[in-house]
């Protein structure tokens, strides 16, 4: 799962940091890594898929300027 970790107790959420969490059962999740974390930037609209090779491919809007792509080997 890709998520913004800053929206726990606020009505106005920052769009950073952008993180990946992993689950074996869909009930419990562990934070795996932070993709982006800048206090002056925004990262939004993430999409994620796992390829046949087991690698995770993630795309998201980077600072409202372009689409970013990250390949992660979990």
PDB file of N, CA and C in Angstrom:
ATOM      1  N   UNK A   1       0.844  -1.151   0.000  1.00  0.00           N
ATOM      2  CA  UNK A   1       0.000   0.000   0.000  1.00  0.00           C
ATOM      3  C   UNK A   1       0.901   1.228   0.000  1.00  0.00           C
ATOM      4  N   UNK A   2       0.528   2.238  -0.763  1.00  0.00           N
ATOM      5  CA  UNK A   2       1.219   3.526  -0.747  1.00  0.00           C
ATOM      6  C   UNK A   2       0.293   4.510  -0.053  1.00  0.00           C
ATOM      7  N   UNK A   3       0.833   5.302   0.866  1.00  0.00           N
ATOM      8  CA  UNK A   3      -0.020   6.213   1.631  1.00  0.00           C
ATOM      9  C   UNK A   3       0.766   7.436   2.083  1.00  0.00           C
ATOM     10  N   UNK A   4       0.021   8.473   2.460  1.00  0.00           N
ATOM     11  CA  UNK A   4       0.615   9.669   3.063  1.00  0.00           C
ATOM     12  C   UNK A   4       0.504   9.512   4.565  1.00  0.00           C
ATOM     13  N   UNK A   5       1.602   9.546   5.239  1.00  0.00           N
ATOM     14  CA  UNK A   5       1.623   9.259   6.677  1.00  0.00           C
ATOM     15  C   UNK A   5       1.234  10.447   7.545  1.00  0.00           C
ATOM     16  N   UNK A   6       0.876  11.572   6.975  1.00  0.00           N
ATOM     17  CA  UNK A   6       0.628  12.775   7.776  1.00  0.00           C
ATOM     18  C   UNK A   6      -0.843  13.024   8.080  1.00  0.00           C
ATOM     19  N   UNK A   7      -1.758  12.166   7.684  1.00  0.00           N
ATOM     20  CA  UNK A   7      -3.193  12.446   7.797  1.00  0.00           C
ATOM     21  C   UNK A   7      -3.879  11.725   8.942  1.00  0.00           C
ATOM     22  N   UNK A   8      -3.229  11.522  10.018  1.00  0.00           N
ATOM     23  CA  UNK A   8      -3.839  10.749  11.106  1.00  0.00           C
ATOM     24  C   UNK A   8      -4.857  11.549  11.913  1.00  0.00           C
ATOM     25  N   UNK A   9      -4.539  12.776  12.318  1.00  0.00           N
ATOM     26  CA  UNK A   9      -5.418  13.524  13.222  1.00  0.00           C
ATOM     27  C   UNK A   9      -5.663  14.954  12.751  1.00  0.00           C
ATOM     28  N   UNK A  10      -5.719  15.168  11.476  1.00  0.00           N
ATOM     29  CA  UNK A  10      -5.840  16.529  10.980  1.00  0.00           C
ATOM     30  C   UNK A  10      -6.895  16.598   9.884  1.00  0.00           C
ATOM     31  N   UNK A  11      -7.617  17.706   9.824  1.00  0.00           N
ATOM     32  CA  UNK A  11      -8.564  17.900   8.739  1.00  0.00           C
ATOM     33  C   UNK A  11      -7.851  18.436   7.507  1.00  0.00           C
ATOM     34  N   UNK A  12      -6.697  19.059   7.698  1.00  0.00           N
ATOM     35  CA  UNK A  12      -5.881  19.541   6.575  1.00  0.00           C
ATOM     36  C   UNK A  12      -4.615  18.701   6.525  1.00  0.00           C
ATOM     37  N   UNK A  13      -4.518  17.891   5.516  1.00  0.00           N
ATOM     38  CA  UNK A  13      -3.387  16.966   5.418  1.00  0.00           C
ATOM     39  C   UNK A  13      -2.328  17.496   4.462  1.00  0.00           C
ATOM     40  N   UNK A  14      -1.088  17.345   4.879  1.00  0.00           N
ATOM     41  CA  UNK A  14       0.022  17.619   3.974  1.00  0.00           C
ATOM     42  C   UNK A  14       0.153  16.423   3.040  1.00  0.00           C
ATOM     43  N   UNK A  15       0.720  16.625   1.900  1.00  0.00           N
ATOM     44  CA  UNK A  15       0.900  15.534   0.943  1.00  0.00           C
ATOM     45  C   UNK A  15       2.333  15.027   0.974  1.00  0.00           C
ATOM     46  N   UNK A  16       2.834  14.896   2.160  1.00  0.00           N
ATOM     47  CA  UNK A  16       4.160  14.339   2.389  1.00  0.00           C
ATOM     48  C   UNK A  16       4.222  13.852   3.822  1.00  0.00           C
ATOM     49  N   UNK A  17       4.911  12.833   4.188  1.00  0.00           N
ATOM     50  CA  UNK A  17       5.705  11.949   3.339  1.00  0.00           C
ATOM     51  C   UNK A  17       4.833  10.935   2.604  1.00  0.00           C
ATOM     52  N   UNK A  18       5.397  10.376   1.550  1.00  0.00           N
ATOM     53  CA  UNK A  18       4.746   9.311   0.799  1.00  0.00           C
ATOM     54  C   UNK A  18       5.458   8.009   1.147  1.00  0.00           C
ATOM     55  N   UNK A  19       4.715   7.050   1.680  1.00  0.00           N
ATOM     56  CA  UNK A  19       5.314   5.829   2.242  1.00  0.00           C
ATOM     57  C   UNK A  19       4.714   4.573   1.626  1.00  0.00           C
ATOM     58  N   UNK A  20       5.434   3.474   1.797  1.00  0.00           N
ATOM     59  CA  UNK A  20       4.947   2.156   1.398  1.00  0.00           C
ATOM     60  C   UNK A  20       4.849   1.288   2.640  1.00  0.00           C
ATOM     61  N   UNK A  21       3.723   0.590   2.770  1.00  0.00           N
ATOM     62  CA  UNK A  21       3.533  -0.382   3.849  1.00  0.00           C
ATOM     63  C   UNK A  21       3.239  -1.740   3.215  1.00  0.00           C
ATOM     64  N   UNK A  22       3.599  -2.797   3.925  1.00  0.00           N
ATOM     65  CA  UNK A  22       3.438  -4.162   3.419  1.00  0.00           C
ATOM     66  C   UNK A  22       2.626  -4.976   4.418  1.00  0.00           C
ATOM     67  N   UNK A  23       1.779  -5.866   3.890  1.00  0.00           N
ATOM     68  CA  UNK A  23       0.967  -6.738   4.738  1.00  0.00           C
ATOM     69  C   UNK A  23       0.962  -8.150   4.167  1.00  0.00           C
ATOM     70  N   UNK A  24       0.965  -9.127   5.048  1.00  0.00           N
ATOM     71  CA  UNK A  24       0.817 -10.517   4.621  1.00  0.00           C
ATOM     72  C   UNK A  24      -0.649 -10.951   4.614  1.00  0.00           C
ATOM     73  N   UNK A  25      -1.462 -10.325   5.479  1.00  0.00           N
ATOM     74  CA  UNK A  25      -2.837 -10.775   5.649  1.00  0.00           C
ATOM     75  C   UNK A  25      -3.893  -9.698   5.392  1.00  0.00           C
ATOM     76  N   UNK A  26      -3.480  -8.461   5.165  1.00  0.00           N
ATOM     77  CA  UNK A  26      -4.428  -7.375   4.951  1.00  0.00           C
ATOM     78  C   UNK A  26      -4.998  -6.788   6.227  1.00  0.00           C
ATOM     79  N   UNK A  27      -4.641  -7.345   7.376  1.00  0.00           N
ATOM     80  CA  UNK A  27      -5.122  -6.836   8.661  1.00  0.00           C
ATOM     81  C   UNK A  27      -4.045  -6.068   9.414  1.00  0.00           C
ATOM     82  N   UNK A  28      -2.827  -6.525   9.342  1.00  0.00           N
ATOM     83  CA  UNK A  28      -1.713  -5.825   9.992  1.00  0.00           C
ATOM     84  C   UNK A  28      -0.734  -5.369   8.918  1.00  0.00           C
ATOM     85  N   UNK A  29      -0.190  -4.166   9.131  1.00  0.00           N
ATOM     86  CA  UNK A  29       0.700  -3.554   8.147  1.00  0.00           C
ATOM     87  C   UNK A  29       1.981  -3.110   8.828  1.00  0.00           C
ATOM     88  N   UNK A  30       3.084  -3.196   8.103  1.00  0.00           N
ATOM     89  CA  UNK A  30       4.347  -2.673   8.614  1.00  0.00           C
ATOM     90  C   UNK A  30       4.896  -1.657   7.617  1.00  0.00           C
ATOM     91  N   UNK A  31       5.436  -0.574   8.151  1.00  0.00           N
ATOM     92  CA  UNK A  31       6.053   0.450   7.318  1.00  0.00           C
ATOM     93  C   UNK A  31       7.318  -0.134   6.710  1.00  0.00           C
ATOM     94  N   UNK A  32       7.411  -0.098   5.409  1.00  0.00           N
ATOM     95  CA  UNK A  32       8.559  -0.679   4.721  1.00  0.00           C
ATOM     96  C   UNK A  32       9.585   0.382   4.338  1.00  0.00           C
ATOM     97  N   UNK A  33       9.125   1.470   3.716  1.00  0.00           N
ATOM     98  CA  UNK A  33      10.055   2.529   3.338  1.00  0.00           C
ATOM     99  C   UNK A  33       9.312   3.809   3.031  1.00  0.00           C
ATOM    100  N   UNK A  34      10.049   4.910   3.027  1.00  0.00           N
ATOM    101  CA  UNK A  34       9.520   6.219   2.666  1.00  0.00           C
ATOM    102  C   UNK A  34      10.015   6.548   1.267  1.00  0.00           C
ATOM    103  N   UNK A  35       9.089   6.784   0.338  1.00  0.00           N
ATOM    104  CA  UNK A  35       9.460   7.109  -1.037  1.00  0.00           C
ATOM    105  C   UNK A  35       9.919   8.552  -1.168  1.00  0.00           C
ATOM    106  N   UNK A  36       9.166   9.470  -0.574  1.00  0.00           N
ATOM    107  CA  UNK A  36       9.473  10.902  -0.646  1.00  0.00           C
ATOM    108  C   UNK A  36       9.130  11.531   0.692  1.00  0.00           C
ATOM    109  N   UNK A  37       9.931  12.533   1.079  1.00  0.00           N
ATOM    110  CA  UNK A  37       9.659  13.226   2.335  1.00  0.00           C
ATOM    111  C   UNK A  37      10.326  14.590   2.319  1.00  0.00           C
ATOM    112  N   UNK A  38       9.598  15.585   1.862  1.00  0.00           N
ATOM    113  CA  UNK A  38      10.087  16.955   1.856  1.00  0.00           C
ATOM    114  C   UNK A  38       8.994  17.849   2.433  1.00  0.00           C
ATOM    115  N   UNK A  39       9.306  18.668   3.431  1.00  0.00           N
ATOM    116  CA  UNK A  39       8.277  19.503   4.055  1.00  0.00           C
ATOM    117  C   UNK A  39       7.712  20.584   3.132  1.00  0.00           C
ATOM    118  N   UNK A  40       8.381  20.876   2.028  1.00  0.00           N
ATOM    119  CA  UNK A  40       7.908  21.928   1.125  1.00  0.00           C
ATOM    120  C   UNK A  40       7.324  21.370  -0.170  1.00  0.00           C
ATOM    121  N   UNK A  41       7.190  20.062  -0.273  1.00  0.00           N
ATOM    122  CA  UNK A  41       6.720  19.448  -1.513  1.00  0.00           C
ATOM    123  C   UNK A  41       5.429  18.675  -1.305  1.00  0.00           C
ATOM    124  N   UNK A  42       4.828  18.282  -2.428  1.00  0.00           N
ATOM    125  CA  UNK A  42       3.609  17.489  -2.391  1.00  0.00           C
ATOM    126  C   UNK A  42       3.765  16.272  -3.288  1.00  0.00           C
ATOM    127  N   UNK A  43       3.286  15.142  -2.806  1.00  0.00           N
ATOM    128  CA  UNK A  43       3.315  13.890  -3.554  1.00  0.00           C
ATOM    129  C   UNK A  43       1.916  13.300  -3.454  1.00  0.00           C
ATOM    130  N   UNK A  44       1.301  13.027  -4.588  1.00  0.00           N
ATOM    131  CA  UNK A  44      -0.108  12.643  -4.549  1.00  0.00           C
ATOM    132  C   UNK A  44      -0.454  11.629  -5.633  1.00  0.00           C
ATOM    133  N   UNK A  45      -1.670  11.118  -5.552  1.00  0.00           N
ATOM    134  CA  UNK A  45      -2.269  10.189  -6.508  1.00  0.00           C
ATOM    135  C   UNK A  45      -1.384   8.975  -6.792  1.00  0.00           C
ATOM    136  N   UNK A  46      -0.941   8.272  -5.765  1.00  0.00           N
ATOM    137  CA  UNK A  46      -0.083   7.111  -6.003  1.00  0.00           C
ATOM    138  C   UNK A  46      -0.862   5.916  -6.563  1.00  0.00           C
ATOM    139  N   UNK A  47      -0.173   5.149  -7.381  1.00  0.00           N
ATOM    140  CA  UNK A  47      -0.686   3.867  -7.883  1.00  0.00           C
ATOM    141  C   UNK A  47       0.453   2.865  -7.784  1.00  0.00           C
ATOM    142  N   UNK A  48       0.116   1.618  -7.473  1.00  0.00           N
ATOM    143  CA  UNK A  48       1.144   0.618  -7.223  1.00  0.00           C
ATOM    144  C   UNK A  48       0.712  -0.726  -7.799  1.00  0.00           C
ATOM    145  N   UNK A  49       1.690  -1.479  -8.294  1.00  0.00           N
ATOM    146  CA  UNK A  49       1.438  -2.826  -8.808  1.00  0.00           C
ATOM    147  C   UNK A  49       2.695  -3.659  -8.572  1.00  0.00           C
ATOM    148  N   UNK A  50       2.496  -4.945  -8.358  1.00  0.00           N
ATOM    149  CA  UNK A  50       3.634  -5.851  -8.207  1.00  0.00           C
ATOM    150  C   UNK A  50       3.769  -6.670  -9.480  1.00  0.00           C
ATOM    151  N   UNK A  51       4.976  -6.675 -10.051  1.00  0.00           N
ATOM    152  CA  UNK A  51       5.230  -7.412 -11.280  1.00  0.00           C
ATOM    153  C   UNK A  51       5.456  -8.893 -11.029  1.00  0.00           C
ATOM    154  N   UNK A  52       5.534  -9.636 -12.103  1.00  0.00           N
ATOM    155  CA  UNK A  52       5.772 -11.084 -12.004  1.00  0.00           C
ATOM    156  C   UNK A  52       7.103 -11.405 -11.347  1.00  0.00           C
ATOM    157  N   UNK A  53       8.049 -10.488 -11.474  1.00  0.00           N
ATOM    158  CA  UNK A  53       9.374 -10.693 -10.885  1.00  0.00           C
ATOM    159  C   UNK A  53       9.416 -10.367  -9.395  1.00  0.00           C
ATOM    160  N   UNK A  54       8.276  -9.941  -8.826  1.00  0.00           N
ATOM    161  CA  UNK A  54       8.205  -9.615  -7.406  1.00  0.00           C
ATOM    162  C   UNK A  54       8.509  -8.166  -7.087  1.00  0.00           C
ATOM    163  N   UNK A  55       9.001  -7.412  -8.063  1.00  0.00           N
ATOM    164  CA  UNK A  55       9.303  -6.000  -7.823  1.00  0.00           C
ATOM    165  C   UNK A  55       8.017  -5.184  -7.812  1.00  0.00           C
ATOM    166  N   UNK A  56       8.022  -4.140  -7.007  1.00  0.00           N
ATOM    167  CA  UNK A  56       6.876  -3.251  -6.879  1.00  0.00           C
ATOM    168  C   UNK A  56       7.140  -2.011  -7.721  1.00  0.00           C
ATOM    169  N   UNK A  57       6.151  -1.632  -8.525  1.00  0.00           N
ATOM    170  CA  UNK A  57       6.260  -0.463  -9.393  1.00  0.00           C
ATOM    171  C   UNK A  57       5.253   0.572  -8.902  1.00  0.00           C
ATOM    172  N   UNK A  58       5.726   1.788  -8.680  1.00  0.00           N
ATOM    173  CA  UNK A  58       4.884   2.848  -8.123  1.00  0.00           C
ATOM    174  C   UNK A  58       5.009   4.108  -8.972  1.00  0.00           C
ATOM    175  N   UNK A  59       3.885   4.718  -9.299  1.00  0.00           N
ATOM    176  CA  UNK A  59       3.860   6.017  -9.962  1.00  0.00           C
ATOM    177  C   UNK A  59       3.036   6.970  -9.109  1.00  0.00           C
ATOM    178  N   UNK A  60       3.386   8.248  -9.142  1.00  0.00           N
ATOM    179  CA  UNK A  60       2.674   9.259  -8.366  1.00  0.00           C
ATOM    180  C   UNK A  60       3.012  10.637  -8.908  1.00  0.00           C
ATOM    181  N   UNK A  61       2.199  11.624  -8.533  1.00  0.00           N
ATOM    182  CA  UNK A  61       2.473  13.000  -8.927  1.00  0.00           C
ATOM    183  C   UNK A  61       3.564  13.562  -8.030  1.00  0.00           C
ATOM    184  N   UNK A  62       4.606  14.102  -8.644  1.00  0.00           N
ATOM    185  CA  UNK A  62       5.765  14.633  -7.934  1.00  0.00           C
ATOM    186  C   UNK A  62       5.723  16.159  -7.955  1.00  0.00           C
ATOM    187  N   UNK A  63       5.493  16.746  -6.790  1.00  0.00           N
ATOM    188  CA  UNK A  63       5.501  18.204  -6.606  1.00  0.00           C
ATOM    189  C   UNK A  63       4.572  18.951  -7.569  1.00  0.00           C
ATOM    190  N   UNK A  64       3.505  18.286  -7.980  1.00  0.00           N
ATOM    191  CA  UNK A  64       2.536  18.877  -8.925  1.00  0.00           C
ATOM    192  C   UNK A  64       3.188  19.291 -10.237  1.00  0.00           C
ATOM    193  N   UNK A  65       4.320  18.691 -10.570  1.00  0.00           N
ATOM    194  CA  UNK A  65       5.051  19.076 -11.773  1.00  0.00           C
ATOM    195  C   UNK A  65       5.143  17.959 -12.805  1.00  0.00           C
ATOM    196  N   UNK A  66       5.248  16.714 -12.339  1.00  0.00           N
ATOM    197  CA  UNK A  66       5.427  15.610 -13.272  1.00  0.00           C
ATOM    198  C   UNK A  66       5.008  14.304 -12.602  1.00  0.00           C
ATOM    199  N   UNK A  67       5.032  13.249 -13.378  1.00  0.00           N
ATOM    200  CA  UNK A  67       4.760  11.918 -12.847  1.00  0.00           C
ATOM    201  C   UNK A  67       6.098  11.271 -12.508  1.00  0.00           C
ATOM    202  N   UNK A  68       6.203  10.731 -11.309  1.00  0.00           N
ATOM    203  CA  UNK A  68       7.419  10.042 -10.874  1.00  0.00           C
ATOM    204  C   UNK A  68       7.186   8.538 -10.903  1.00  0.00           C
ATOM    205  N   UNK A  69       8.255   7.800 -11.145  1.00  0.00           N
ATOM    206  CA  UNK A  69       8.203   6.334 -11.162  1.00  0.00           C
ATOM    207  C   UNK A  69       9.314   5.798 -10.272  1.00  0.00           C
ATOM    208  N   UNK A  70       8.966   4.857  -9.418  1.00  0.00           N
ATOM    209  CA  UNK A  70       9.957   4.183  -8.568  1.00  0.00           C
ATOM    210  C   UNK A  70       9.737   2.684  -8.693  1.00  0.00           C
ATOM    211  N   UNK A  71      10.837   1.962  -8.801  1.00  0.00           N
ATOM    212  CA  UNK A  71      10.808   0.497  -8.780  1.00  0.00           C
ATOM    213  C   UNK A  71      11.446   0.049  -7.484  1.00  0.00           C
ATOM    214  N   UNK A  72      10.732  -0.783  -6.734  1.00  0.00           N
ATOM    215  CA  UNK A  72      11.189  -1.190  -5.406  1.00  0.00           C
ATOM    216  C   UNK A  72      11.294  -2.705  -5.366  1.00  0.00           C
ATOM    217  N   UNK A  73      12.398  -3.185  -4.857  1.00  0.00           N
ATOM    218  CA  UNK A  73      12.597  -4.622  -4.689  1.00  0.00           C
ATOM    219  C   UNK A  73      12.383  -4.944  -3.220  1.00  0.00           C
ATOM    220  N   UNK A  74      11.181  -5.419  -2.879  1.00  0.00           N
ATOM    221  CA  UNK A  74      10.880  -5.737  -1.489  1.00  0.00           C
ATOM    222  C   UNK A  74      11.341  -7.127  -1.232  1.00  0.00           C
TER     223      UNK A  74
END
